[in-house]
Amino acid sequence: VQLQALGGGLVQAGGSLRLSCAASGGTFSRYVVGWFVQAPGKEREFVAAIRWSGGFTYYGDSVKGRFTISRDNAKNTVYLQMNSLKPEDTAVYYCAASTSVLDPRRPVGYEYWGQGTQVTVSS
């Protein structure tokens, strides 16, 4: 399956963006889909994840209450709605998918990765 992450851009602090992760060459029906960030010089960090079956969601501590992950079955797409953005949210955001990851919070378990989309939050 190929993943395409879209929706990044430049936004002022306090603003909102919605990222999308679309799958091609397959469907998300058996997958866990996650979002991770990687800032320059830092390791990839967990943001949010969703189990397609059942819709169970996971969030990183820094985004709880501000970000919402959701899925659209018809469009085979996962969204990350980001509200109340802060300058420290600035990073490249990657979506990832896995049929077998044990802990959705850990990037090591994901087999498929999108190309990343840059989010920049100005102060």
Protein backbone atom coordinates (compact mmCIF):
# COMPACT_ATOMS: atom_id res chain seq x y z
CA VAL A 1 0.00 0.00 0.00
CA GLN A 2 1.22 3.52 -0.78
CA LEU A 3 0.48 6.43 1.48
CA GLN A 4 0.19 10.08 0.55
CA ALA A 5 0.22 12.71 3.27
CA LEU A 6 -1.19 16.12 2.36
CA GLY A 7 -2.35 19.28 4.04
CA GLY A 8 0.75 20.78 5.61
CA GLY A 9 1.55 24.45 5.42
CA LEU A 10 2.30 27.62 7.31
CA VAL A 11 -0.09 28.77 10.01
CA GLN A 12 0.02 31.22 12.88
CA ALA A 13 0.01 30.04 16.47
CA GLY A 14 -3.52 29.29 17.59
CA GLY A 15 -4.58 28.34 14.08
CA SER A 16 -5.70 25.04 12.61
CA LEU A 17 -4.69 22.66 9.86
CA ARG A 18 -6.09 19.35 8.67
CA LEU A 19 -3.74 16.72 7.37
CA SER A 20 -4.89 13.80 5.28
CA CYS A 21 -3.35 10.40 4.66
CA ALA A 22 -4.74 8.58 1.64
CA ALA A 23 -4.01 4.99 0.75
CA SER A 24 -3.58 3.60 -2.74
CA GLY A 25 -2.92 0.07 -3.83
CA GLY A 26 -4.93 -1.26 -0.94
CA THR A 27 -7.44 -0.37 1.72
CA PHE A 28 -7.05 0.58 5.34
CA SER A 29 -9.66 -1.91 6.47
CA ARG A 30 -7.23 -4.07 8.49
CA TYR A 31 -4.72 -1.39 9.39
CA VAL A 32 -3.61 0.79 12.20
CA VAL A 33 -2.78 4.23 10.81
CA GLY A 34 -0.58 6.58 12.74
CA TRP A 35 0.87 10.05 12.53
CA PHE A 36 4.40 10.83 13.63
CA VAL A 37 6.53 13.95 13.60
CA GLN A 38 10.20 14.47 13.13
CA ALA A 39 11.85 17.78 13.82
CA PRO A 40 15.42 18.49 12.69
CA GLY A 41 17.92 16.67 14.84
CA LYS A 42 15.25 14.76 16.74
CA GLU A 43 13.86 11.26 16.66
CA ARG A 44 10.50 10.49 15.16
CA GLU A 45 7.77 11.02 17.75
CA PHE A 46 4.23 9.71 18.06
CA VAL A 47 1.30 12.06 17.50
CA ALA A 48 -1.84 9.99 17.06
CA ALA A 49 -3.10 6.68 15.71
CA ILE A 50 -6.36 4.99 14.86
CA ARG A 51 -7.37 1.38 14.47
CA TRP A 52 -9.47 1.20 11.31
CA SER A 53 -11.55 -1.63 12.71
CA GLY A 54 -13.43 -0.24 15.65
CA GLY A 55 -11.99 3.24 15.38
CA PHE A 56 -10.04 3.13 18.64
CA THR A 57 -7.74 6.14 18.90
CA TYR A 58 -4.46 6.94 20.61
CA TYR A 59 -2.87 10.33 21.23
CA GLY A 60 0.47 11.63 22.32
CA ASP A 61 0.43 13.62 25.54
CA SER A 62 1.42 16.87 23.86
CA VAL A 63 -1.55 16.84 21.46
CA LYS A 64 -4.39 15.51 23.63
CA GLY A 65 -7.32 17.90 23.53
CA ARG A 66 -5.94 19.75 20.50
CA PHE A 67 -5.63 17.15 17.75
CA THR A 68 -8.24 14.69 16.53
CA ILE A 69 -7.60 11.68 14.33
CA SER A 70 -10.47 10.27 12.27
CA ARG A 71 -11.13 8.07 9.28
CA ASP A 72 -13.34 8.17 6.21
CA ASN A 73 -14.18 4.67 5.05
CA ALA A 74 -15.52 5.76 1.68
CA LYS A 75 -12.39 7.76 0.84
CA ASN A 76 -9.94 5.33 2.43
CA THR A 77 -8.38 8.30 4.14
CA VAL A 78 -7.28 9.20 7.65
CA TYR A 79 -7.38 12.80 8.83
CA LEU A 80 -5.52 14.64 11.55
CA GLN A 81 -7.36 17.77 12.60
CA MET A 82 -4.92 20.03 14.39
CA ASN A 83 -6.29 22.92 16.43
CA SER A 84 -4.67 25.44 18.77
CA LEU A 85 -1.37 24.94 17.02
CA LYS A 86 1.82 25.98 18.77
CA PRO A 87 5.25 26.82 17.37
CA GLU A 88 6.56 23.61 18.94
CA ASP A 89 4.22 21.64 16.66
CA THR A 90 6.46 22.65 13.76
CA ALA A 91 7.82 19.51 12.13
CA VAL A 92 7.48 17.17 9.20
CA TYR A 93 4.40 15.03 9.77
CA TYR A 94 4.43 11.46 8.49
CA CYS A 95 1.59 9.01 8.24
CA ALA A 96 2.25 5.33 8.61
CA ALA A 97 0.25 2.13 8.38
CA SER A 98 0.54 -1.36 9.71
CA THR A 99 -1.48 -4.54 9.89
CA SER A 100 0.58 -5.96 12.71
CA VAL A 101 1.93 -3.22 14.95
CA LEU A 102 1.63 -4.18 18.61
CA ASP A 103 2.04 -0.71 20.06
CA PRO A 104 0.68 2.00 17.75
CA ARG A 105 2.72 4.59 19.62
CA ARG A 106 6.04 3.16 18.45
CA PRO A 107 7.21 3.93 14.89
CA VAL A 108 9.28 0.77 14.65
CA GLY A 109 6.22 -1.44 14.12
CA TYR A 110 4.89 0.29 11.00
CA GLU A 111 5.57 -1.25 7.59
CA TYR A 112 4.38 1.57 5.34
CA TRP A 113 5.25 5.26 5.44
CA GLY A 114 4.15 8.30 3.49
CA GLN A 115 6.50 10.97 2.26
CA GLY A 116 5.80 13.53 4.97
CA THR A 117 4.25 16.96 4.90
CA GLN A 118 5.75 20.06 6.48
CA VAL A 119 3.82 21.93 9.15
CA THR A 120 5.20 25.27 10.25
CA VAL A 121 3.60 27.25 13.05
CA SER A 122 4.73 30.83 13.42
CA SER A 123 4.62 32.70 16.72
